[in-house]
Amino acid sequence: MHGVKLYIDQWLGLGVQPAELTFVQIALRGTIVFLLALTMVRLGDKRFLSKKSAFDAILGFILASMLARAVNGSAAFWPTLGGGFVLVGIHRVLAMVARVSHPVGWLIKGRSELVIRDGAVQERALRKNDFSEHDLEEDLRLEGAANPSEVLLAYIERNGTISVVKKTK
């Protein structure tokens, strides 16, 4: 058993300085990290990949950074991978809690904010979200509305996008 561990350590370059890693060692590390990252994503929830909110995007940034360190040898290989699983688990648990507790959801995911009501732009909401009139006009056009007068309701959603409910004709 000890011989197998030494063999694996040698192939993965465990205990070797990052600058001393070979192409094969980095390729093997990358392959293992890829397969385990795929497992992490599958064990996590689908919303993580869609980056629905800062809550989801933050996990993506941290996980990518951690896993890159496992590949390039700047962090311990197996503990770093384990830490990735822990982060995905924490994300999943918090997402489940947020689903049943609106205050927790608002805390970790934010709230949507009404920016147009019956064609009238809510200037205070734009200022609060650092959204310019030009940003709003661009997003309205992308939603098929030429100007605010065509909009019944529009919200800045928790992920920063604008959703629009057009007036009926």
Protein backbone atom coordinates (compact mmCIF):
# COMPACT_ATOMS: atom_id res chain seq x y z
CA MET A 1 0.00 0.00 0.00
CA HIS A 2 2.83 2.37 0.88
CA GLY A 3 4.36 1.63 -2.54
CA VAL A 4 1.13 2.62 -4.29
CA LYS A 5 1.07 5.94 -2.42
CA LEU A 6 4.66 6.65 -3.41
CA TYR A 7 3.85 5.78 -7.01
CA ILE A 8 0.83 8.13 -7.04
CA ASP A 9 2.83 10.88 -5.31
CA GLN A 10 5.57 10.54 -7.93
CA TRP A 11 3.18 10.61 -10.88
CA LEU A 12 1.32 13.66 -9.52
CA GLY A 13 4.48 15.41 -8.37
CA LEU A 14 3.20 15.69 -4.81
CA GLY A 15 5.83 17.20 -2.55
CA VAL A 16 7.65 18.74 -5.53
CA GLN A 17 8.13 22.50 -5.95
CA PRO A 18 5.73 23.96 -8.56
CA ALA A 19 8.58 24.95 -10.88
CA GLU A 20 9.78 21.32 -10.90
CA LEU A 21 6.48 19.82 -12.08
CA THR A 22 6.66 18.07 -15.42
CA PHE A 23 4.20 18.27 -18.28
CA VAL A 24 2.87 14.79 -17.43
CA GLN A 25 2.40 15.67 -13.75
CA ILE A 26 0.48 18.85 -14.57
CA ALA A 27 -1.59 17.01 -17.19
CA LEU A 28 -2.48 14.29 -14.67
CA ARG A 29 -3.30 16.87 -12.00
CA GLY A 30 -5.43 18.78 -14.48
CA THR A 31 -7.27 15.61 -15.50
CA ILE A 32 -8.01 14.67 -11.88
CA VAL A 33 -9.09 18.22 -11.05
CA PHE A 34 -11.31 18.32 -14.14
CA LEU A 35 -13.06 15.06 -13.22
CA LEU A 36 -13.48 16.05 -9.58
CA ALA A 37 -14.64 19.57 -10.51
CA LEU A 38 -17.25 18.00 -12.78
CA THR A 39 -18.35 15.87 -9.83
CA MET A 40 -18.47 18.97 -7.58
CA VAL A 41 -20.64 20.85 -10.07
CA ARG A 42 -22.97 17.86 -10.44
CA LEU A 43 -23.23 17.55 -6.64
CA GLY A 44 -23.86 21.27 -6.36
CA ASP A 45 -26.95 22.84 -7.81
CA LYS A 46 -27.64 24.00 -11.34
CA ARG A 47 -27.94 27.65 -10.34
CA PHE A 48 -24.21 27.81 -9.52
CA LEU A 49 -23.31 27.58 -13.21
CA SER A 50 -25.93 30.10 -14.28
CA LYS A 51 -24.47 32.66 -11.86
CA LYS A 52 -27.91 33.85 -10.88
CA SER A 53 -26.50 36.18 -8.21
CA ALA A 54 -23.26 37.33 -6.58
CA PHE A 55 -23.76 34.39 -4.21
CA ASP A 56 -23.31 32.01 -7.16
CA ALA A 57 -20.58 33.97 -8.93
CA ILE A 58 -18.45 34.11 -5.77
CA LEU A 59 -18.46 30.33 -5.52
CA GLY A 60 -17.33 30.14 -9.14
CA PHE A 61 -14.43 32.55 -8.58
CA ILE A 62 -13.23 30.90 -5.38
CA LEU A 63 -13.62 27.36 -6.69
CA ALA A 64 -11.74 28.19 -9.90
CA SER A 65 -8.94 29.81 -7.93
CA MET A 66 -8.65 26.90 -5.51
CA LEU A 67 -8.67 24.25 -8.20
CA ALA A 68 -6.08 26.12 -10.27
CA ARG A 69 -3.75 26.03 -7.28
CA ALA A 70 -4.17 22.26 -7.07
CA VAL A 71 -3.15 21.96 -10.72
CA ASN A 72 -0.18 24.32 -10.63
CA GLY A 73 1.18 22.95 -7.36
CA SER A 74 1.00 26.16 -5.34
CA ALA A 75 -1.29 24.46 -2.79
CA ALA A 76 -1.50 20.96 -1.34
CA PHE A 77 -3.27 18.78 -3.91
CA TRP A 78 -5.71 16.55 -1.99
CA PRO A 79 -6.63 19.06 0.77
CA THR A 80 -7.34 21.70 -1.87
CA LEU A 81 -9.68 19.34 -3.71
CA GLY A 82 -11.38 18.49 -0.41
CA GLY A 83 -11.81 22.19 0.29
CA GLY A 84 -13.55 22.57 -3.07
CA PHE A 85 -16.10 19.92 -2.10
CA VAL A 86 -16.66 21.70 1.23
CA LEU A 87 -17.33 25.03 -0.55
CA VAL A 88 -19.78 23.42 -2.96
CA GLY A 89 -21.54 21.79 0.01
CA ILE A 90 -21.77 25.08 1.90
CA HIS A 91 -23.16 26.78 -1.21
CA ARG A 92 -25.77 24.07 -1.62
CA VAL A 93 -26.85 24.21 2.04
CA LEU A 94 -27.12 28.02 1.98
CA ALA A 95 -29.12 27.86 -1.26
CA MET A 96 -31.54 25.37 0.34
CA VAL A 97 -31.91 27.56 3.43
CA ALA A 98 -32.46 30.63 1.24
CA ARG A 99 -35.18 28.79 -0.64
CA VAL A 100 -37.27 28.37 2.52
CA SER A 101 -36.21 31.55 4.37
CA HIS A 102 -36.76 34.78 2.47
CA PRO A 103 -34.69 36.85 4.95
CA VAL A 104 -31.71 34.53 4.39
CA GLY A 105 -32.32 34.71 0.64
CA TRP A 106 -32.34 38.50 0.75
CA LEU A 107 -29.18 38.50 2.85
CA ILE A 108 -27.08 36.24 0.63
CA LYS A 109 -28.67 36.82 -2.78
CA GLY A 110 -30.06 40.35 -2.54
CA ARG A 111 -33.45 41.71 -3.63
CA SER A 112 -34.95 42.81 -6.88
CA GLU A 113 -35.83 46.49 -7.13
CA LEU A 114 -38.66 48.16 -9.05
CA VAL A 115 -37.22 50.70 -11.53
CA ILE A 116 -40.24 51.44 -13.74
CA ARG A 117 -43.88 51.54 -12.69
CA ASP A 118 -46.46 52.25 -15.39
CA GLY A 119 -43.92 54.02 -17.60
CA ALA A 120 -42.46 56.16 -14.80
CA VAL A 121 -38.77 55.65 -14.05
CA GLN A 122 -38.02 55.31 -10.35
CA GLU A 123 -34.95 57.57 -10.13
CA ARG A 124 -34.21 56.66 -6.51
CA ALA A 125 -33.98 52.97 -7.39
CA LEU A 126 -31.61 53.75 -10.27
CA ARG A 127 -29.34 55.80 -8.01
CA LYS A 128 -29.40 53.15 -5.29
CA ASN A 129 -28.24 50.52 -7.80
CA ASP A 130 -25.75 52.79 -9.63
CA PHE A 131 -27.76 52.35 -12.82
CA SER A 132 -27.73 55.22 -15.32
CA GLU A 133 -30.63 56.19 -17.58
CA HIS A 134 -28.50 54.97 -20.49
CA ASP A 135 -28.00 51.57 -18.82
CA LEU A 136 -31.75 51.31 -18.33
CA GLU A 137 -32.52 52.34 -21.92
CA GLU A 138 -30.06 49.77 -23.27
CA ASP A 139 -31.59 46.98 -21.19
CA LEU A 140 -35.12 48.03 -22.19
CA ARG A 141 -34.16 47.83 -25.87
CA LEU A 142 -32.69 44.36 -25.30
CA GLU A 143 -36.08 43.40 -23.83
CA GLY A 144 -37.93 44.82 -26.85
CA ALA A 145 -39.16 48.08 -25.32
CA ALA A 146 -38.20 51.29 -27.13
CA ASN A 147 -38.71 53.49 -24.07
CA PRO A 148 -40.06 53.43 -20.49
CA SER A 149 -43.55 54.54 -21.58
CA GLU A 150 -44.06 51.04 -23.11
CA VAL A 151 -43.31 49.35 -19.77
CA LEU A 152 -45.82 48.42 -17.08
CA LEU A 153 -43.16 47.14 -14.64
CA ALA A 154 -39.40 46.75 -14.79
CA TYR A 155 -37.09 45.41 -12.10
CA ILE A 156 -33.36 45.28 -11.54
CA GLU A 157 -33.11 41.63 -10.60
CA ARG A 158 -30.79 40.16 -7.99
CA ASN A 159 -28.27 39.26 -10.67
CA GLY A 160 -28.20 42.83 -12.06
CA THR A 161 -30.28 42.23 -15.18
CA ILE A 162 -33.45 44.12 -16.00
CA SER A 163 -36.71 42.22 -16.37
CA VAL A 164 -39.60 43.90 -18.13
CA VAL A 165 -43.36 43.48 -18.18
CA LYS A 166 -44.67 45.47 -21.16
CA LYS A 167 -47.98 47.28 -21.21
CA THR A 168 -50.73 45.52 -23.13
CA LYS A 169 -52.07 47.34 -26.16
